[in-house]
Amino acid sequence: MGARSHKDQFISALKSFPHEKASFSQLAGKLGDTWTPERVEAKAREFDDDATTPINVVKHGVQYFGSETGQKPGLYKEVRRGIERRWGADNAIRHISIVHCSRTAERNRGHWSQPDLIGQVRRRASAKPEVVYLAIEVERAGGFDVRSVYQAYEFGRGADFSWVFYEGPVCDGTRWEQITVAARDLGVGVVHAARPTQPSKWTTQVPARIRQRTFAQQRDFLQRSGVTTEMFEADQ
């Protein structure tokens, strides 16, 4: 068996850090004696220039965004923070809070039972703030296709809006045509979050359409996802 590529070495090492994020010095120490912080930074910037490689140079170091598993995947964390920063600045929104559902006890209840993230949005209204819930699917580079749209629609039953955020290169061609048709038919929103740490550059490619639901369906949605309303205040 040949030696592992630098990309594989970086990924393996970064997965050992919280949120798959490390400083150049920390990563150099993890990679071994042949690596210096300067060499790590140079190689990280090579990966950063390649849109198909989910290794990015971020503030204070380098981060891997290709994982959707683990207790605190960096991809979910950055998308969550980006949504709160970007949409939270909307004058029509009084407050927005996002919960990462893989922390909940119900994660393995069933296939397509709950989204990756759930957002509670308190919108400004004439009488009292309106509360709506977002069901959000997050896809790593290479993991986004038409099935992501149907999955977002299915686990969003009971939510007010369903969204899919995907990182990496922009989706195009026949695959994108299939995704667009499905997303528009179902009312699922699609956001291209090319770089999860730069929400100002995210692009809404298909806007979400409000879903019809009853109070009982919303309650079932939250219970199915293992989420309580108190968690939105605690998960800051």
Protein backbone atom coordinates (compact mmCIF):
# COMPACT_ATOMS: atom_id res chain seq x y z
CA MET A 1 0.00 0.00 0.00
CA GLY A 2 1.41 3.39 -1.01
CA ALA A 3 1.87 6.41 1.21
CA ARG A 4 -1.22 8.46 1.96
CA SER A 5 -1.67 11.65 -0.02
CA HIS A 6 -1.23 15.01 1.66
CA LYS A 7 -4.98 15.56 1.31
CA ASP A 8 -5.75 12.35 3.20
CA GLN A 9 -3.18 13.21 5.86
CA PHE A 10 -4.75 16.63 6.38
CA ILE A 11 -8.27 15.20 6.59
CA SER A 12 -7.29 12.47 9.04
CA ALA A 13 -5.46 14.94 11.27
CA LEU A 14 -8.16 17.62 11.16
CA LYS A 15 -10.85 15.12 12.14
CA SER A 16 -9.11 14.75 15.51
CA PHE A 17 -9.73 18.42 16.37
CA PRO A 18 -13.03 19.96 17.57
CA HIS A 19 -15.05 21.13 14.56
CA GLU A 20 -12.24 19.73 12.34
CA LYS A 21 -10.40 23.05 12.78
CA ALA A 22 -6.79 23.69 13.84
CA SER A 23 -4.13 26.37 13.70
CA PHE A 24 -1.25 25.82 11.30
CA SER A 25 1.01 25.06 14.27
CA GLN A 26 -1.44 22.57 15.79
CA LEU A 27 -1.86 20.76 12.50
CA ALA A 28 1.88 20.66 11.91
CA GLY A 29 2.35 19.03 15.30
CA LYS A 30 -0.31 16.44 14.48
CA LEU A 31 1.11 15.66 11.04
CA GLY A 32 4.64 14.94 12.26
CA ASP A 33 8.24 16.13 12.25
CA THR A 34 8.48 16.73 8.49
CA TRP A 35 5.78 19.39 8.69
CA THR A 36 6.31 22.99 9.79
CA PRO A 37 3.57 25.61 10.28
CA GLU A 38 4.81 27.36 7.15
CA ARG A 39 4.62 24.16 5.07
CA VAL A 40 1.16 23.38 6.44
CA GLU A 41 -0.08 26.85 5.53
CA ALA A 42 1.32 26.63 1.99
CA LYS A 43 -0.31 23.24 1.39
CA ALA A 44 -3.58 24.39 3.00
CA ARG A 45 -3.72 27.33 0.60
CA GLU A 46 -3.30 24.93 -2.33
CA PHE A 47 -6.30 22.98 -1.11
CA ASP A 48 -8.19 26.22 -0.49
CA ASP A 49 -7.79 27.19 -4.16
CA ASP A 50 -9.42 23.91 -5.27
CA ALA A 51 -13.23 24.24 -4.99
CA THR A 52 -13.65 20.45 -5.06
CA THR A 53 -11.52 19.96 -1.93
CA PRO A 54 -13.39 20.74 1.33
CA ILE A 55 -10.27 22.01 3.12
CA ASN A 56 -10.30 25.78 3.62
CA VAL A 57 -8.01 28.35 5.13
CA VAL A 58 -10.07 30.10 7.81
CA LYS A 59 -9.41 32.64 10.53
CA HIS A 60 -6.55 31.39 12.74
CA GLY A 61 -5.86 28.26 10.68
CA VAL A 62 -7.37 25.56 8.49
CA GLN A 63 -10.68 23.64 8.63
CA TYR A 64 -12.15 20.54 7.01
CA PHE A 65 -15.77 20.72 5.83
CA GLY A 66 -16.25 17.27 4.31
CA SER A 67 -17.68 15.53 7.37
CA GLU A 68 -21.32 15.18 8.37
CA THR A 69 -20.62 12.81 11.24
CA GLY A 70 -19.29 13.23 14.75
CA GLN A 71 -20.60 15.16 17.72
CA LYS A 72 -19.75 18.62 16.40
CA PRO A 73 -19.03 18.63 12.65
CA GLY A 74 -17.46 21.90 11.58
CA LEU A 75 -19.67 22.06 8.48
CA TYR A 76 -22.86 22.21 10.54
CA LYS A 77 -21.39 24.71 12.96
CA GLU A 78 -20.33 27.18 10.26
CA VAL A 79 -23.58 26.91 8.29
CA ARG A 80 -25.52 27.41 11.49
CA ARG A 81 -23.49 30.48 12.43
CA GLY A 82 -23.72 31.82 8.89
CA ILE A 83 -27.51 31.55 8.83
CA GLU A 84 -27.80 33.32 12.17
CA ARG A 85 -25.46 36.12 11.05
CA ARG A 86 -26.85 36.61 7.56
CA TRP A 87 -30.57 36.15 8.06
CA GLY A 88 -30.44 37.61 11.55
CA ALA A 89 -29.48 40.94 9.98
CA ASP A 90 -32.78 41.05 8.06
CA ASN A 91 -34.92 43.90 9.38
CA ALA A 92 -38.01 41.68 9.10
CA ILE A 93 -36.51 39.25 11.62
CA ARG A 94 -36.44 40.01 15.33
CA HIS A 95 -34.48 36.91 16.34
CA ILE A 96 -33.22 33.68 14.79
CA SER A 97 -31.71 30.65 16.53
CA ILE A 98 -30.47 27.39 15.00
CA VAL A 99 -30.25 24.00 16.71
CA HIS A 100 -28.00 21.19 15.48
CA CYS A 101 -30.19 18.09 15.60
CA SER A 102 -27.45 15.46 15.73
CA ARG A 103 -27.05 16.50 19.38
CA THR A 104 -30.56 15.30 20.15
CA ALA A 105 -31.44 11.87 21.51
CA GLU A 106 -33.84 11.11 18.66
CA ARG A 107 -31.28 11.26 15.84
CA ASN A 108 -31.47 7.54 15.06
CA ARG A 109 -35.21 7.18 15.43
CA GLY A 110 -35.71 6.41 11.75
CA HIS A 111 -34.68 7.00 8.15
CA TRP A 112 -35.26 10.60 7.08
CA SER A 113 -36.83 11.35 10.46
CA GLN A 114 -35.22 14.73 11.14
CA PRO A 115 -33.17 17.48 9.49
CA ASP A 116 -29.56 18.40 10.22
CA LEU A 117 -30.52 21.81 11.60
CA ILE A 118 -33.74 23.42 12.78
CA GLY A 119 -34.21 27.16 12.87
CA GLN A 120 -36.65 29.12 14.98
CA VAL A 121 -37.33 32.53 13.48
CA ARG A 122 -39.20 35.26 15.32
CA ARG A 123 -40.38 37.72 12.70
CA ARG A 124 -41.55 41.24 13.37
CA ALA A 125 -45.30 41.68 12.98
CA SER A 126 -47.81 44.45 13.62
CA ALA A 127 -49.34 42.81 16.69
CA LYS A 128 -46.85 40.32 18.06
CA PRO A 129 -43.72 38.58 16.72
CA GLU A 130 -44.57 35.69 14.42
CA VAL A 131 -42.68 32.43 15.03
CA VAL A 132 -41.80 30.13 12.12
CA TYR A 133 -39.63 27.01 11.95
CA LEU A 134 -37.07 26.07 9.31
CA ALA A 135 -36.01 22.51 8.47
CA ILE A 136 -32.47 22.64 7.07
CA GLU A 137 -30.43 19.98 5.30
CA VAL A 138 -26.68 20.58 4.94
CA GLU A 139 -24.73 18.79 2.21
CA ARG A 140 -20.97 18.53 1.87
CA ALA A 141 -19.20 18.92 -1.47
CA GLY A 142 -20.14 16.03 -3.75
CA GLY A 143 -23.05 14.96 -1.56
CA PHE A 144 -25.72 17.20 -3.08
CA ASP A 145 -28.19 15.86 -5.65
CA VAL A 146 -31.93 15.65 -6.28
CA ARG A 147 -32.32 13.21 -3.39
CA SER A 148 -31.27 16.00 -1.03
CA VAL A 149 -34.33 17.98 -2.09
CA TYR A 150 -36.75 15.11 -1.50
CA GLN A 151 -35.09 14.39 1.84
CA ALA A 152 -35.42 18.03 2.90
CA TYR A 153 -39.10 17.98 1.94
CA GLU A 154 -39.79 14.74 3.81
CA PHE A 155 -38.17 15.60 7.12
CA GLY A 156 -39.57 19.11 6.93
CA ARG A 157 -43.15 17.94 7.35
CA GLY A 158 -44.56 20.18 10.08
CA ALA A 159 -42.04 22.97 9.54
CA ASP A 160 -42.89 26.27 7.84
CA PHE A 161 -39.98 26.19 5.36
CA SER A 162 -37.58 23.52 4.07
CA TRP A 163 -34.07 24.38 2.89
CA VAL A 164 -30.96 22.68 1.52
CA PHE A 165 -27.52 24.31 1.90
CA TYR A 166 -24.65 22.80 -0.07
CA GLU A 167 -20.96 23.64 -0.14
CA GLY A 168 -18.27 23.18 -2.79
CA PRO A 169 -18.53 23.86 -6.54
CA VAL A 170 -21.76 25.24 -7.95
CA CYS A 171 -24.10 22.53 -9.21
CA ASP A 172 -24.88 22.74 -12.94
CA GLY A 173 -25.81 20.70 -16.00
CA THR A 174 -28.43 17.95 -16.10
CA ARG A 175 -28.09 17.28 -12.38
CA TRP A 176 -28.93 20.90 -11.60
CA GLU A 177 -31.93 20.84 -13.93
CA GLN A 178 -33.35 17.86 -12.01
CA ILE A 179 -32.73 19.59 -8.68
CA THR A 180 -34.34 22.84 -9.83
CA VAL A 181 -37.51 21.13 -11.04
CA ALA A 182 -37.88 19.13 -7.82
CA ALA A 183 -37.10 22.12 -5.57
CA ARG A 184 -39.62 24.39 -7.29
CA ASP A 185 -42.31 21.71 -7.37
CA LEU A 186 -41.92 20.98 -3.66
CA GLY A 187 -41.14 24.51 -2.48
CA VAL A 188 -37.75 23.53 -1.05
CA GLY A 189 -35.21 26.35 -0.96
CA VAL A 190 -31.64 25.81 -2.17
CA VAL A 191 -28.63 27.86 -1.07
CA HIS A 192 -25.14 27.48 -2.51
CA ALA A 193 -22.80 28.02 0.45
CA ALA A 194 -19.57 27.58 -1.50
CA ARG A 195 -17.44 28.54 1.48
CA PRO A 196 -19.28 27.86 4.75
CA THR A 197 -17.28 30.53 6.61
CA GLN A 198 -18.25 33.32 4.17
CA PRO A 199 -22.06 33.70 4.35
CA SER A 200 -21.90 37.07 2.58
CA LYS A 201 -21.02 35.15 -0.59
CA TRP A 202 -23.76 32.53 -0.29
CA THR A 203 -26.31 32.49 -3.11
CA THR A 204 -29.99 31.61 -2.82
CA GLN A 205 -30.55 29.65 -6.03
CA VAL A 206 -34.14 28.58 -5.37
CA PRO A 207 -36.28 30.42 -2.79
CA ALA A 208 -38.27 28.34 -0.30
CA ARG A 209 -42.05 28.44 -0.34
CA ILE A 210 -44.06 28.44 2.90
CA ARG A 211 -45.54 25.06 3.76
CA GLN A 212 -49.05 24.48 5.05
CA ARG A 213 -49.12 22.84 8.45
CA THR A 214 -51.26 22.62 11.56
CA PHE A 215 -50.16 23.22 15.13
CA ALA A 216 -50.29 19.44 15.73
CA GLN A 217 -48.00 18.81 12.73
CA GLN A 218 -45.54 21.42 13.99
CA ARG A 219 -45.54 19.83 17.44
CA ASP A 220 -44.89 16.41 15.87
CA PHE A 221 -42.05 17.91 13.81
CA LEU A 222 -40.31 19.23 16.92
CA GLN A 223 -40.88 16.01 18.88
CA ARG A 224 -39.67 13.89 15.98
CA SER A 225 -36.52 15.98 15.82
CA GLY A 226 -35.91 15.74 19.57
CA VAL A 227 -36.11 19.51 19.92
CA THR A 228 -37.85 21.66 22.51
CA THR A 229 -38.54 25.37 22.27
CA GLU A 230 -36.20 25.97 25.23
CA MET A 231 -33.27 24.61 23.23
CA PHE A 232 -33.36 27.54 20.85
CA GLU A 233 -32.56 29.92 23.68
CA ALA A 234 -29.94 27.64 25.25
CA ASP A 235 -28.09 26.76 22.02
CA GLN A 236 -26.37 30.11 21.51
